[in-house]
């Protein structure tokens, strides 16, 4: 549920763009935790994130960016870890799982995102993209999805029997597989994993969760 007018001040303020899978990770985590948040649209396609007003908030010049009281956080993986700790949800039950979650968050940033997210960007937003670049990126996406498929064919979630921020982080762009010009049916274990995540209370598709302008979001 999204309210267009900013009528209250929830504890969380999320800066982002509705087309960003990285922003969706944070928005989804907040929704799954039942947290209202104020969304502030940053037009990344117009270069707004690279201009002084936003750079004064976040020197990285990227979204997502989260305000929570006095806390200011950038980078989706760091924000997910912060929310898991402060909300006591979707975190690790022991040290071994904590490191397993960290592994997956790093892997997503290093392998899945450069392949799947870049392929989606090229296919969806870059009509004049070099076909050779698209093919190279698609191959990386397929390799990363293949790795996910192998793991998820053996267990329901990435670190075991329960969902964690590892799943939230790695699944965000997986909901955009078709927008990357790929057939989700090629990875049935991944599709089943997404279905399990969709059954979690509070889950919303990115198109329904993230508004296209400043708004108060009440999951």
N, C-alpha and C. Protein backbone atom coordinates (compact mmCIF):
# COMPACT_ATOMS: atom_id res chain seq x y z
N UNK A 1 0.85 -1.19 0.00
CA UNK A 1 0.00 0.00 0.00
C UNK A 1 0.88 1.23 0.00
N UNK A 2 0.64 2.16 -0.89
CA UNK A 2 1.42 3.38 -1.00
C UNK A 2 0.51 4.58 -0.86
N UNK A 3 0.89 5.53 -0.04
CA UNK A 3 0.15 6.76 0.12
C UNK A 3 0.94 7.88 -0.53
N UNK A 4 0.37 8.56 -1.51
CA UNK A 4 1.12 9.54 -2.28
C UNK A 4 1.55 10.73 -1.44
N UNK A 5 0.71 11.17 -0.55
CA UNK A 5 1.08 12.32 0.28
C UNK A 5 1.97 11.86 1.42
N UNK A 6 2.96 12.69 1.75
CA UNK A 6 3.83 12.40 2.87
C UNK A 6 3.17 12.95 4.13
N UNK A 7 2.37 12.13 4.78
CA UNK A 7 1.53 12.63 5.86
C UNK A 7 2.10 12.36 7.24
N UNK A 8 3.16 11.61 7.35
CA UNK A 8 3.74 11.31 8.66
C UNK A 8 5.23 11.10 8.51
N UNK A 9 5.88 10.91 9.62
CA UNK A 9 7.32 10.74 9.60
C UNK A 9 7.69 9.37 10.16
N UNK A 10 7.72 8.34 9.32
CA UNK A 10 8.15 7.03 9.80
C UNK A 10 9.64 7.06 10.12
N UNK A 11 10.12 6.10 10.89
CA UNK A 11 11.53 6.14 11.29
C UNK A 11 12.51 5.91 10.14
N UNK A 12 12.03 5.33 9.05
CA UNK A 12 12.91 5.04 7.92
C UNK A 12 12.60 5.95 6.73
N UNK A 13 13.66 6.49 6.13
CA UNK A 13 13.54 7.24 4.89
C UNK A 13 14.45 6.59 3.87
N UNK A 14 13.86 6.11 2.80
CA UNK A 14 14.61 5.39 1.77
C UNK A 14 14.69 6.23 0.51
N UNK A 15 15.91 6.55 0.09
CA UNK A 15 16.14 7.24 -1.17
C UNK A 15 16.42 6.19 -2.24
N UNK A 16 15.73 6.32 -3.38
CA UNK A 16 15.96 5.32 -4.42
C UNK A 16 15.21 5.62 -5.69
N UNK A 17 15.19 4.62 -6.57
CA UNK A 17 14.48 4.71 -7.84
C UNK A 17 13.72 3.41 -8.04
N UNK A 18 12.51 3.52 -8.57
CA UNK A 18 11.63 2.36 -8.65
C UNK A 18 12.12 1.28 -9.61
N UNK A 19 13.06 1.59 -10.50
CA UNK A 19 13.57 0.59 -11.42
C UNK A 19 14.80 -0.15 -10.87
N UNK A 20 15.25 0.22 -9.69
CA UNK A 20 16.48 -0.34 -9.15
C UNK A 20 16.22 -1.59 -8.32
N UNK A 21 16.83 -2.69 -8.72
CA UNK A 21 16.74 -3.91 -7.93
C UNK A 21 17.43 -3.77 -6.59
N UNK A 22 18.49 -2.98 -6.52
CA UNK A 22 19.18 -2.76 -5.26
C UNK A 22 18.29 -2.01 -4.27
N UNK A 23 17.54 -1.05 -4.77
CA UNK A 23 16.57 -0.35 -3.92
C UNK A 23 15.47 -1.31 -3.47
N UNK A 24 15.05 -2.18 -4.38
CA UNK A 24 14.02 -3.15 -4.03
C UNK A 24 14.45 -4.05 -2.89
N UNK A 25 15.72 -4.42 -2.83
CA UNK A 25 16.19 -5.25 -1.72
C UNK A 25 15.84 -4.61 -0.37
N UNK A 26 16.13 -3.32 -0.26
CA UNK A 26 15.91 -2.62 1.01
C UNK A 26 14.42 -2.43 1.26
N UNK A 27 13.69 -2.00 0.22
CA UNK A 27 12.24 -1.82 0.37
C UNK A 27 11.57 -3.12 0.77
N UNK A 28 11.99 -4.23 0.16
CA UNK A 28 11.40 -5.53 0.48
C UNK A 28 11.72 -5.93 1.91
N UNK A 29 12.94 -5.72 2.35
CA UNK A 29 13.30 -6.04 3.73
C UNK A 29 12.43 -5.25 4.71
N UNK A 30 12.25 -3.97 4.45
CA UNK A 30 11.41 -3.16 5.32
C UNK A 30 9.97 -3.67 5.31
N UNK A 31 9.47 -4.04 4.13
CA UNK A 31 8.10 -4.55 4.03
C UNK A 31 7.95 -5.88 4.78
N UNK A 32 8.92 -6.77 4.63
CA UNK A 32 8.86 -8.06 5.31
C UNK A 32 8.93 -7.90 6.83
N UNK A 33 9.57 -6.81 7.26
CA UNK A 33 9.66 -6.52 8.70
C UNK A 33 8.48 -5.68 9.18
N UNK A 34 7.55 -5.37 8.28
CA UNK A 34 6.37 -4.61 8.65
C UNK A 34 6.63 -3.16 8.98
N UNK A 35 7.67 -2.59 8.36
CA UNK A 35 8.07 -1.23 8.66
C UNK A 35 7.61 -0.24 7.59
N UNK A 36 6.88 0.78 8.01
CA UNK A 36 6.57 1.88 7.10
C UNK A 36 7.85 2.62 6.75
N UNK A 37 7.88 3.20 5.56
CA UNK A 37 9.03 4.04 5.23
C UNK A 37 8.61 5.15 4.29
N UNK A 38 9.32 6.23 4.39
CA UNK A 38 9.11 7.36 3.50
C UNK A 38 10.05 7.18 2.30
N UNK A 39 9.48 7.16 1.12
CA UNK A 39 10.29 6.98 -0.07
C UNK A 39 10.58 8.32 -0.72
N UNK A 40 11.84 8.54 -1.06
CA UNK A 40 12.26 9.75 -1.76
C UNK A 40 12.84 9.35 -3.11
N UNK A 41 12.16 9.75 -4.15
CA UNK A 41 12.57 9.39 -5.49
C UNK A 41 13.85 10.14 -5.89
N UNK A 42 14.83 9.41 -6.38
CA UNK A 42 16.07 9.97 -6.93
C UNK A 42 16.14 9.55 -8.39
N UNK A 43 16.09 10.51 -9.29
CA UNK A 43 16.05 10.20 -10.73
C UNK A 43 17.47 9.87 -11.21
N UNK A 44 17.81 8.59 -11.11
CA UNK A 44 19.17 8.17 -11.47
C UNK A 44 19.41 8.31 -12.97
N UNK A 45 18.36 8.21 -13.77
CA UNK A 45 18.54 8.31 -15.22
C UNK A 45 18.82 9.75 -15.65
N UNK A 46 18.43 10.70 -14.82
CA UNK A 46 18.73 12.10 -15.09
C UNK A 46 20.01 12.55 -14.38
N UNK A 47 20.70 11.60 -13.74
CA UNK A 47 21.95 11.92 -13.07
C UNK A 47 21.79 12.60 -11.73
N UNK A 48 20.59 12.52 -11.14
CA UNK A 48 20.34 13.22 -9.89
C UNK A 48 21.21 12.72 -8.74
N UNK A 49 21.54 11.42 -8.78
CA UNK A 49 22.35 10.86 -7.70
C UNK A 49 23.80 11.36 -7.74
N UNK A 50 24.20 11.96 -8.85
CA UNK A 50 25.57 12.43 -9.00
C UNK A 50 25.69 13.95 -8.82
N UNK A 51 24.59 14.58 -8.44
CA UNK A 51 24.59 16.03 -8.29
C UNK A 51 24.77 16.42 -6.82
N UNK A 52 25.28 17.63 -6.58
CA UNK A 52 25.63 18.04 -5.21
C UNK A 52 24.57 17.82 -4.14
N UNK A 53 23.28 18.10 -4.37
CA UNK A 53 22.32 17.90 -3.27
C UNK A 53 22.32 16.48 -2.72
N UNK A 54 22.36 15.49 -3.65
CA UNK A 54 22.35 14.11 -3.17
C UNK A 54 23.73 13.70 -2.67
N UNK A 55 24.79 14.18 -3.33
CA UNK A 55 26.15 13.83 -2.89
C UNK A 55 26.44 14.34 -1.49
N UNK A 56 25.77 15.40 -1.09
CA UNK A 56 25.94 15.88 0.27
C UNK A 56 25.37 14.90 1.29
N UNK A 57 24.38 14.12 0.86
CA UNK A 57 23.81 13.09 1.72
C UNK A 57 24.63 11.81 1.65
N UNK A 58 25.04 11.44 0.43
CA UNK A 58 25.68 10.15 0.20
C UNK A 58 26.84 10.32 -0.77
N UNK A 59 28.04 10.29 -0.26
CA UNK A 59 29.21 10.56 -1.10
C UNK A 59 29.42 9.49 -2.17
N UNK A 60 28.79 8.32 -2.02
CA UNK A 60 28.91 7.30 -3.06
C UNK A 60 28.16 7.67 -4.33
N UNK A 61 27.17 8.53 -4.20
CA UNK A 61 26.40 8.92 -5.37
C UNK A 61 25.58 7.81 -5.96
N UNK A 62 25.05 6.92 -5.10
CA UNK A 62 24.29 5.77 -5.56
C UNK A 62 23.07 5.56 -4.67
N UNK A 63 22.09 4.87 -5.21
CA UNK A 63 20.96 4.41 -4.41
C UNK A 63 21.02 2.89 -4.31
N UNK A 64 20.51 2.33 -3.21
CA UNK A 64 19.71 2.94 -2.16
C UNK A 64 20.54 3.68 -1.12
N UNK A 65 19.84 4.56 -0.41
CA UNK A 65 20.42 5.28 0.71
C UNK A 65 19.35 5.37 1.78
N UNK A 66 19.68 4.99 3.00
CA UNK A 66 18.69 4.89 4.07
C UNK A 66 19.02 5.81 5.23
N UNK A 67 18.01 6.57 5.68
CA UNK A 67 18.06 7.31 6.93
C UNK A 67 17.27 6.54 7.98
N UNK A 68 17.87 6.34 9.12
CA UNK A 68 17.14 5.76 10.25
C UNK A 68 17.61 6.47 11.50
N UNK A 69 16.85 7.47 11.93
CA UNK A 69 17.28 8.28 13.05
C UNK A 69 18.58 9.00 12.69
N UNK A 70 19.58 8.81 13.53
CA UNK A 70 20.88 9.43 13.26
C UNK A 70 21.74 8.60 12.31
N UNK A 71 21.27 7.41 11.96
CA UNK A 71 22.06 6.52 11.11
C UNK A 71 21.85 6.85 9.65
N UNK A 72 22.94 6.90 8.89
CA UNK A 72 22.91 7.11 7.45
C UNK A 72 23.68 5.96 6.81
N UNK A 73 23.03 5.23 5.92
CA UNK A 73 23.64 4.02 5.37
C UNK A 73 23.47 3.95 3.86
N UNK A 74 24.56 3.60 3.18
CA UNK A 74 24.54 3.34 1.75
C UNK A 74 24.96 1.90 1.51
N UNK A 75 24.78 1.44 0.26
CA UNK A 75 25.13 0.09 -0.19
C UNK A 75 24.12 -0.92 0.35
N UNK A 76 23.44 -1.58 -0.57
CA UNK A 76 22.31 -2.43 -0.20
C UNK A 76 22.70 -3.56 0.75
N UNK A 77 23.85 -4.18 0.56
CA UNK A 77 24.24 -5.29 1.43
C UNK A 77 24.45 -4.81 2.86
N UNK A 78 25.09 -3.66 3.01
CA UNK A 78 25.31 -3.10 4.35
C UNK A 78 23.97 -2.75 5.01
N UNK A 79 23.05 -2.20 4.22
CA UNK A 79 21.74 -1.84 4.76
C UNK A 79 20.98 -3.09 5.19
N UNK A 80 21.03 -4.14 4.39
CA UNK A 80 20.37 -5.38 4.77
C UNK A 80 20.93 -5.93 6.07
N UNK A 81 22.24 -5.90 6.22
CA UNK A 81 22.85 -6.39 7.45
C UNK A 81 22.42 -5.54 8.65
N UNK A 82 22.36 -4.24 8.46
CA UNK A 82 21.94 -3.34 9.53
C UNK A 82 20.49 -3.63 9.93
N UNK A 83 19.61 -3.77 8.96
CA UNK A 83 18.21 -4.03 9.26
C UNK A 83 18.02 -5.40 9.91
N UNK A 84 18.77 -6.39 9.47
CA UNK A 84 18.67 -7.72 10.09
C UNK A 84 19.03 -7.65 11.57
N UNK A 85 20.03 -6.85 11.90
CA UNK A 85 20.45 -6.73 13.30
C UNK A 85 19.46 -5.91 14.12
N UNK A 86 19.04 -4.78 13.57
CA UNK A 86 18.19 -3.89 14.35
C UNK A 86 16.75 -4.38 14.43
N UNK A 87 16.29 -5.09 13.41
CA UNK A 87 14.94 -5.65 13.41
C UNK A 87 14.89 -7.07 13.97
N UNK A 88 16.07 -7.69 14.10
CA UNK A 88 16.17 -9.07 14.56
C UNK A 88 15.31 -9.99 13.68
N UNK A 89 15.45 -9.78 12.36
CA UNK A 89 14.72 -10.59 11.40
C UNK A 89 15.64 -10.97 10.25
N UNK A 90 15.50 -12.17 9.76
CA UNK A 90 16.21 -12.65 8.57
C UNK A 90 17.73 -12.59 8.72
N UNK A 91 18.19 -12.70 9.94
CA UNK A 91 19.62 -12.74 10.20
C UNK A 91 20.10 -14.16 10.48
N UNK A 92 21.30 -14.27 11.00
CA UNK A 92 21.92 -15.57 11.24
C UNK A 92 21.55 -16.10 12.62
N UNK A 93 21.49 -17.42 12.74
CA UNK A 93 21.23 -18.05 14.03
C UNK A 93 22.53 -18.41 14.74
N UNK A 94 23.64 -18.44 14.00
CA UNK A 94 24.93 -18.74 14.61
C UNK A 94 26.04 -18.15 13.74
N UNK A 95 27.27 -18.27 14.18
CA UNK A 95 28.39 -17.65 13.48
C UNK A 95 28.59 -18.26 12.09
N UNK A 96 28.42 -19.58 12.00
CA UNK A 96 28.60 -20.22 10.70
C UNK A 96 27.62 -19.67 9.66
N UNK A 97 26.37 -19.50 10.07
CA UNK A 97 25.40 -18.95 9.14
C UNK A 97 25.67 -17.48 8.85
N UNK A 98 26.17 -16.75 9.83
CA UNK A 98 26.50 -15.35 9.60
C UNK A 98 27.53 -15.21 8.49
N UNK A 99 28.53 -16.07 8.50
CA UNK A 99 29.55 -16.00 7.44
C UNK A 99 28.99 -16.50 6.12
N UNK A 100 28.08 -17.48 6.17
CA UNK A 100 27.46 -17.96 4.93
C UNK A 100 26.63 -16.84 4.29
N UNK A 101 25.90 -16.09 5.10
CA UNK A 101 25.13 -14.96 4.58
C UNK A 101 26.06 -13.94 3.96
N UNK A 102 27.16 -13.64 4.63
CA UNK A 102 28.12 -12.67 4.10
C UNK A 102 28.67 -13.13 2.77
N UNK A 103 28.98 -14.42 2.68
CA UNK A 103 29.46 -14.96 1.40
C UNK A 103 28.47 -14.69 0.27
N UNK A 104 27.20 -14.98 0.52
CA UNK A 104 26.20 -14.80 -0.52
C UNK A 104 26.02 -13.33 -0.90
N UNK A 105 26.08 -12.44 0.06
CA UNK A 105 25.93 -11.02 -0.25
C UNK A 105 27.10 -10.53 -1.10
N UNK A 106 28.29 -11.00 -0.81
CA UNK A 106 29.45 -10.63 -1.63
C UNK A 106 29.34 -11.27 -3.01
N UNK A 107 28.91 -12.53 -3.05
CA UNK A 107 28.78 -13.22 -4.33
C UNK A 107 27.76 -12.52 -5.22
N UNK A 108 26.64 -12.13 -4.64
CA UNK A 108 25.61 -11.44 -5.42
C UNK A 108 26.17 -10.18 -6.06
N UNK A 109 26.94 -9.43 -5.30
CA UNK A 109 27.51 -8.19 -5.81
C UNK A 109 28.57 -8.44 -6.86
N UNK A 110 29.29 -9.55 -6.74
CA UNK A 110 30.42 -9.83 -7.63
C UNK A 110 30.03 -10.64 -8.86
N UNK A 111 29.01 -11.51 -8.73
CA UNK A 111 28.67 -12.43 -9.82
C UNK A 111 27.27 -12.23 -10.39
N UNK A 112 26.29 -12.24 -9.51
CA UNK A 112 24.91 -12.19 -10.00
C UNK A 112 24.56 -10.80 -10.53
N UNK A 113 24.86 -9.79 -9.76
CA UNK A 113 24.47 -8.44 -10.17
C UNK A 113 25.16 -7.99 -11.46
N UNK A 114 26.49 -8.18 -11.62
CA UNK A 114 27.11 -7.74 -12.87
C UNK A 114 26.59 -8.47 -14.11
N UNK A 115 26.08 -9.69 -13.92
CA UNK A 115 25.52 -10.41 -15.06
C UNK A 115 24.06 -10.10 -15.28
N UNK A 116 23.23 -10.40 -14.29
CA UNK A 116 21.79 -10.29 -14.46
C UNK A 116 21.33 -8.83 -14.50
N UNK A 117 21.80 -8.02 -13.56
CA UNK A 117 21.38 -6.61 -13.53
C UNK A 117 21.86 -5.87 -14.77
N UNK A 118 23.10 -6.13 -15.18
CA UNK A 118 23.62 -5.44 -16.37
C UNK A 118 22.88 -5.88 -17.62
N UNK A 119 22.59 -7.18 -17.74
CA UNK A 119 21.86 -7.65 -18.91
C UNK A 119 20.48 -7.02 -18.97
N UNK A 120 19.81 -6.95 -17.84
CA UNK A 120 18.50 -6.28 -17.79
C UNK A 120 18.62 -4.82 -18.23
N UNK A 121 19.64 -4.14 -17.74
CA UNK A 121 19.81 -2.73 -18.10
C UNK A 121 20.04 -2.58 -19.60
N UNK A 122 20.87 -3.43 -20.16
CA UNK A 122 21.16 -3.35 -21.58
C UNK A 122 19.92 -3.65 -22.42
N UNK A 123 19.18 -4.69 -22.03
CA UNK A 123 18.01 -5.10 -22.80
C UNK A 123 16.86 -4.10 -22.64
N UNK A 124 16.66 -3.63 -21.43
CA UNK A 124 15.49 -2.81 -21.13
C UNK A 124 15.70 -1.32 -21.42
N UNK A 125 16.92 -0.83 -21.20
CA UNK A 125 17.13 0.61 -21.24
C UNK A 125 18.15 1.08 -22.27
N UNK A 126 18.80 0.15 -22.97
CA UNK A 126 19.86 0.54 -23.91
C UNK A 126 19.60 -0.09 -25.26
N UNK A 127 18.69 0.47 -26.05
CA UNK A 127 18.33 -0.16 -27.33
C UNK A 127 19.48 -0.22 -28.33
N UNK A 128 20.48 0.63 -28.19
CA UNK A 128 21.61 0.63 -29.12
C UNK A 128 22.83 -0.09 -28.55
N UNK A 129 22.62 -0.94 -27.54
CA UNK A 129 23.74 -1.67 -26.93
C UNK A 129 24.41 -2.58 -27.94
N UNK A 130 25.71 -2.71 -27.83
CA UNK A 130 26.48 -3.60 -28.69
C UNK A 130 26.03 -5.04 -28.45
N UNK A 131 25.58 -5.76 -29.47
CA UNK A 131 25.12 -7.15 -29.28
C UNK A 131 26.17 -8.05 -28.65
N UNK A 132 27.44 -7.79 -28.94
CA UNK A 132 28.50 -8.62 -28.35
C UNK A 132 28.58 -8.40 -26.84
N UNK A 133 28.36 -7.15 -26.40
CA UNK A 133 28.37 -6.85 -24.97
C UNK A 133 27.17 -7.50 -24.29
N UNK A 134 26.02 -7.42 -24.95
CA UNK A 134 24.81 -8.06 -24.40
C UNK A 134 25.02 -9.56 -24.27
N UNK A 135 25.59 -10.17 -25.28
CA UNK A 135 25.82 -11.62 -25.26
C UNK A 135 26.78 -12.01 -24.14
N UNK A 136 27.83 -11.22 -23.96
CA UNK A 136 28.80 -11.50 -22.89
C UNK A 136 28.13 -11.38 -21.53
N UNK A 137 27.36 -10.32 -21.34
CA UNK A 137 26.68 -10.10 -20.08
C UNK A 137 25.65 -11.19 -19.81
N UNK A 138 24.92 -11.59 -20.85
CA UNK A 138 23.92 -12.64 -20.69
C UNK A 138 24.57 -13.96 -20.28
N UNK A 139 25.73 -14.25 -20.84
CA UNK A 139 26.43 -15.48 -20.47
C UNK A 139 26.80 -15.47 -19.00
N UNK A 140 27.22 -14.32 -18.48
CA UNK A 140 27.54 -14.21 -17.06
C UNK A 140 26.29 -14.39 -16.21
N UNK A 141 25.17 -13.82 -16.67
CA UNK A 141 23.91 -13.98 -15.94
C UNK A 141 23.49 -15.44 -15.89
N UNK A 142 23.61 -16.13 -17.01
CA UNK A 142 23.23 -17.53 -17.06
C UNK A 142 24.10 -18.39 -16.15
N UNK A 143 25.38 -18.07 -16.08
CA UNK A 143 26.28 -18.82 -15.21
C UNK A 143 25.90 -18.61 -13.73
N UNK A 144 25.60 -17.38 -13.37
CA UNK A 144 25.23 -17.09 -11.99
C UNK A 144 23.90 -17.75 -11.63
N UNK A 145 22.94 -17.68 -12.53
CA UNK A 145 21.66 -18.34 -12.28
C UNK A 145 21.82 -19.85 -12.20
N UNK A 146 22.73 -20.38 -13.00
CA UNK A 146 23.01 -21.82 -12.93
C UNK A 146 23.55 -22.22 -11.57
N UNK A 147 24.39 -21.36 -10.99
CA UNK A 147 24.92 -21.66 -9.66
C UNK A 147 23.80 -21.63 -8.62
N UNK A 148 22.94 -20.63 -8.69
CA UNK A 148 21.79 -20.57 -7.79
C UNK A 148 20.93 -21.82 -7.94
N UNK A 149 20.70 -22.22 -9.18
CA UNK A 149 19.87 -23.39 -9.45
C UNK A 149 20.42 -24.63 -8.75
N UNK A 150 21.74 -24.83 -8.83
CA UNK A 150 22.34 -26.00 -8.21
C UNK A 150 22.17 -26.02 -6.71
N UNK A 151 22.35 -24.87 -6.08
CA UNK A 151 22.20 -24.79 -4.62
C UNK A 151 20.75 -24.98 -4.21
N UNK A 152 19.85 -24.29 -4.90
CA UNK A 152 18.44 -24.31 -4.50
C UNK A 152 17.73 -25.59 -4.88
N UNK A 153 18.34 -26.40 -5.71
CA UNK A 153 17.79 -27.73 -5.97
C UNK A 153 18.01 -28.66 -4.78
N UNK A 154 18.92 -28.27 -3.88
CA UNK A 154 19.27 -29.11 -2.74
C UNK A 154 18.66 -28.62 -1.43
N UNK A 155 18.26 -27.38 -1.35
CA UNK A 155 17.73 -26.83 -0.10
C UNK A 155 16.80 -25.67 -0.42
N UNK A 156 15.86 -25.36 0.49
CA UNK A 156 14.85 -24.34 0.18
C UNK A 156 15.37 -22.92 0.11
N UNK A 157 16.39 -22.61 0.90
CA UNK A 157 16.94 -21.25 0.92
C UNK A 157 18.46 -21.30 0.85
N UNK A 158 19.07 -20.19 0.61
CA UNK A 158 20.50 -20.19 0.29
C UNK A 158 21.39 -20.67 1.42
N UNK A 159 21.00 -20.44 2.66
CA UNK A 159 21.84 -20.90 3.77
C UNK A 159 21.20 -22.00 4.58
N UNK A 160 20.10 -22.58 4.07
CA UNK A 160 19.49 -23.68 4.80
C UNK A 160 17.98 -23.69 4.71
N UNK A 161 17.33 -23.95 5.83
CA UNK A 161 15.89 -24.18 5.84
C UNK A 161 15.06 -22.93 6.04
N UNK A 162 15.70 -21.81 6.38
CA UNK A 162 14.96 -20.58 6.65
C UNK A 162 15.48 -19.44 5.77
N UNK A 163 14.61 -18.51 5.39
CA UNK A 163 15.06 -17.37 4.58
C UNK A 163 15.86 -16.37 5.40
N UNK A 164 16.84 -15.76 4.76
CA UNK A 164 17.66 -14.74 5.41
C UNK A 164 17.86 -13.59 4.44
N UNK A 165 18.62 -12.60 4.88
CA UNK A 165 18.94 -11.49 3.99
C UNK A 165 19.77 -11.94 2.80
N UNK A 166 20.39 -13.10 2.88
CA UNK A 166 21.08 -13.65 1.70
C UNK A 166 20.07 -13.89 0.59
N UNK A 167 18.92 -14.43 0.93
CA UNK A 167 17.87 -14.68 -0.06
C UNK A 167 17.29 -13.37 -0.57
N UNK A 168 17.03 -12.44 0.33
CA UNK A 168 16.47 -11.15 -0.08
C UNK A 168 17.43 -10.44 -1.03
N UNK A 169 18.72 -10.46 -0.69
CA UNK A 169 19.70 -9.79 -1.53
C UNK A 169 19.86 -10.44 -2.90
N UNK A 170 19.89 -11.76 -2.93
CA UNK A 170 20.11 -12.45 -4.20
C UNK A 170 18.86 -12.56 -5.04
N UNK A 171 17.69 -12.49 -4.42
CA UNK A 171 16.44 -12.67 -5.16
C UNK A 171 15.98 -11.40 -5.86
N UNK A 172 16.44 -10.24 -5.41
CA UNK A 172 15.87 -8.97 -5.90
C UNK A 172 15.88 -8.89 -7.42
N UNK A 173 17.03 -9.13 -8.03
CA UNK A 173 17.09 -9.06 -9.49
C UNK A 173 16.56 -10.31 -10.16
N UNK A 174 16.41 -11.40 -9.40
CA UNK A 174 15.87 -12.62 -9.99
C UNK A 174 14.41 -12.44 -10.38
N UNK A 175 13.71 -11.51 -9.74
CA UNK A 175 12.34 -11.24 -10.15
C UNK A 175 12.28 -10.50 -11.49
N UNK A 176 13.45 -10.08 -11.99
CA UNK A 176 13.53 -9.37 -13.26
C UNK A 176 14.15 -10.23 -14.36
N UNK A 177 14.20 -11.55 -14.17
CA UNK A 177 14.85 -12.42 -15.15
C UNK A 177 14.28 -12.21 -16.55
N UNK A 178 12.97 -12.14 -16.65
CA UNK A 178 12.36 -11.99 -17.97
C UNK A 178 12.71 -10.65 -18.61
N UNK A 179 12.91 -9.60 -17.78
CA UNK A 179 13.29 -8.30 -18.31
C UNK A 179 14.72 -8.29 -18.84
N UNK A 180 15.48 -9.32 -18.52
CA UNK A 180 16.83 -9.47 -19.06
C UNK A 180 16.83 -10.30 -20.34
N UNK A 181 15.63 -10.62 -20.82
CA UNK A 181 15.52 -11.41 -22.04
C UNK A 181 15.79 -12.88 -21.83
N UNK A 182 15.64 -13.35 -20.60
CA UNK A 182 15.89 -14.74 -20.26
C UNK A 182 14.58 -15.42 -19.86
N UNK A 183 14.51 -16.72 -20.06
CA UNK A 183 13.31 -17.49 -19.76
C UNK A 183 13.42 -18.07 -18.34
N UNK A 184 12.59 -17.61 -17.40
CA UNK A 184 12.67 -18.12 -16.02
C UNK A 184 12.49 -19.63 -15.92
N UNK A 185 11.80 -20.23 -16.90
CA UNK A 185 11.55 -21.68 -16.85
C UNK A 185 12.83 -22.49 -16.95
N UNK A 186 13.91 -21.88 -17.39
CA UNK A 186 15.19 -22.59 -17.50
C UNK A 186 15.77 -22.92 -16.13
N UNK A 187 15.30 -22.23 -15.09
CA UNK A 187 15.85 -22.41 -13.75
C UNK A 187 14.69 -22.69 -12.79
N UNK A 188 14.12 -23.91 -12.81
CA UNK A 188 12.93 -24.22 -12.02
C UNK A 188 13.15 -24.13 -10.51
N UNK A 189 14.34 -24.50 -10.03
CA UNK A 189 14.60 -24.40 -8.59
C UNK A 189 14.62 -22.94 -8.15
N UNK A 190 15.15 -22.07 -9.01
CA UNK A 190 15.13 -20.63 -8.72
C UNK A 190 13.69 -20.14 -8.70
N UNK A 191 12.89 -20.57 -9.66
CA UNK A 191 11.49 -20.16 -9.71
C UNK A 191 10.73 -20.61 -8.46
N UNK A 192 11.00 -21.83 -8.00
CA UNK A 192 10.34 -22.33 -6.79
C UNK A 192 10.78 -21.55 -5.56
N UNK A 193 12.05 -21.18 -5.52
CA UNK A 193 12.59 -20.35 -4.43
C UNK A 193 11.88 -19.00 -4.39
N UNK A 194 11.71 -18.39 -5.54
CA UNK A 194 11.01 -17.10 -5.59
C UNK A 194 9.57 -17.26 -5.12
N UNK A 195 8.93 -18.38 -5.47
CA UNK A 195 7.57 -18.63 -5.02
C UNK A 195 7.50 -18.74 -3.51
N UNK A 196 8.49 -19.40 -2.91
CA UNK A 196 8.52 -19.50 -1.45
C UNK A 196 8.69 -18.11 -0.82
N UNK A 197 9.54 -17.29 -1.39
CA UNK A 197 9.74 -15.95 -0.85
C UNK A 197 8.47 -15.11 -1.02
N UNK A 198 7.78 -15.29 -2.12
CA UNK A 198 6.54 -14.55 -2.36
C UNK A 198 5.46 -14.90 -1.35
N UNK A 199 5.57 -16.07 -0.72
CA UNK A 199 4.59 -16.50 0.28
C UNK A 199 4.85 -15.90 1.66
N UNK A 200 5.99 -15.23 1.83
CA UNK A 200 6.29 -14.63 3.13
C UNK A 200 5.35 -13.47 3.40
N UNK A 201 4.85 -13.34 4.63
CA UNK A 201 3.96 -12.22 4.97
C UNK A 201 4.66 -10.88 4.73
N UNK A 202 4.01 -10.02 3.99
CA UNK A 202 4.56 -8.71 3.71
C UNK A 202 5.22 -8.60 2.35
N UNK A 203 5.41 -9.73 1.65
CA UNK A 203 6.07 -9.66 0.34
C UNK A 203 5.21 -8.89 -0.65
N UNK A 204 5.87 -8.06 -1.45
CA UNK A 204 5.22 -7.38 -2.56
C UNK A 204 6.16 -7.36 -3.76
N UNK A 205 5.59 -7.46 -4.93
CA UNK A 205 6.37 -7.34 -6.15
C UNK A 205 6.93 -5.92 -6.24
N UNK A 206 8.12 -5.76 -6.84
CA UNK A 206 8.70 -4.41 -6.92
C UNK A 206 7.79 -3.39 -7.57
N UNK A 207 7.01 -3.80 -8.57
CA UNK A 207 6.10 -2.85 -9.23
C UNK A 207 5.02 -2.34 -8.29
N UNK A 208 4.68 -3.14 -7.28
CA UNK A 208 3.64 -2.75 -6.33
C UNK A 208 4.21 -2.06 -5.10
N UNK A 209 5.45 -2.38 -4.76
CA UNK A 209 6.02 -1.89 -3.51
C UNK A 209 6.65 -0.51 -3.64
N UNK A 210 7.38 -0.28 -4.72
CA UNK A 210 8.16 0.95 -4.83
C UNK A 210 7.38 1.99 -5.66
N UNK A 211 7.09 3.13 -5.07
CA UNK A 211 6.35 4.16 -5.81
C UNK A 211 7.24 4.86 -6.84
N UNK A 212 6.61 5.59 -7.74
CA UNK A 212 7.33 6.29 -8.80
C UNK A 212 7.58 7.77 -8.44
N UNK A 213 7.24 8.15 -7.23
CA UNK A 213 7.49 9.51 -6.75
C UNK A 213 7.55 9.47 -5.23
N UNK A 214 7.87 10.60 -4.61
CA UNK A 214 7.92 10.66 -3.16
C UNK A 214 6.59 10.18 -2.57
N UNK A 215 6.66 9.31 -1.59
CA UNK A 215 5.44 8.77 -1.01
C UNK A 215 5.73 8.12 0.33
N UNK A 216 4.69 8.02 1.13
CA UNK A 216 4.74 7.22 2.34
C UNK A 216 4.29 5.81 2.00
N UNK A 217 5.15 4.85 2.27
CA UNK A 217 4.83 3.45 1.96
C UNK A 217 4.50 2.74 3.25
N UNK A 218 3.32 2.13 3.26
CA UNK A 218 2.83 1.41 4.42
C UNK A 218 2.52 -0.02 4.01
N UNK A 219 3.51 -0.91 4.11
CA UNK A 219 3.32 -2.30 3.64
C UNK A 219 2.15 -3.00 4.32
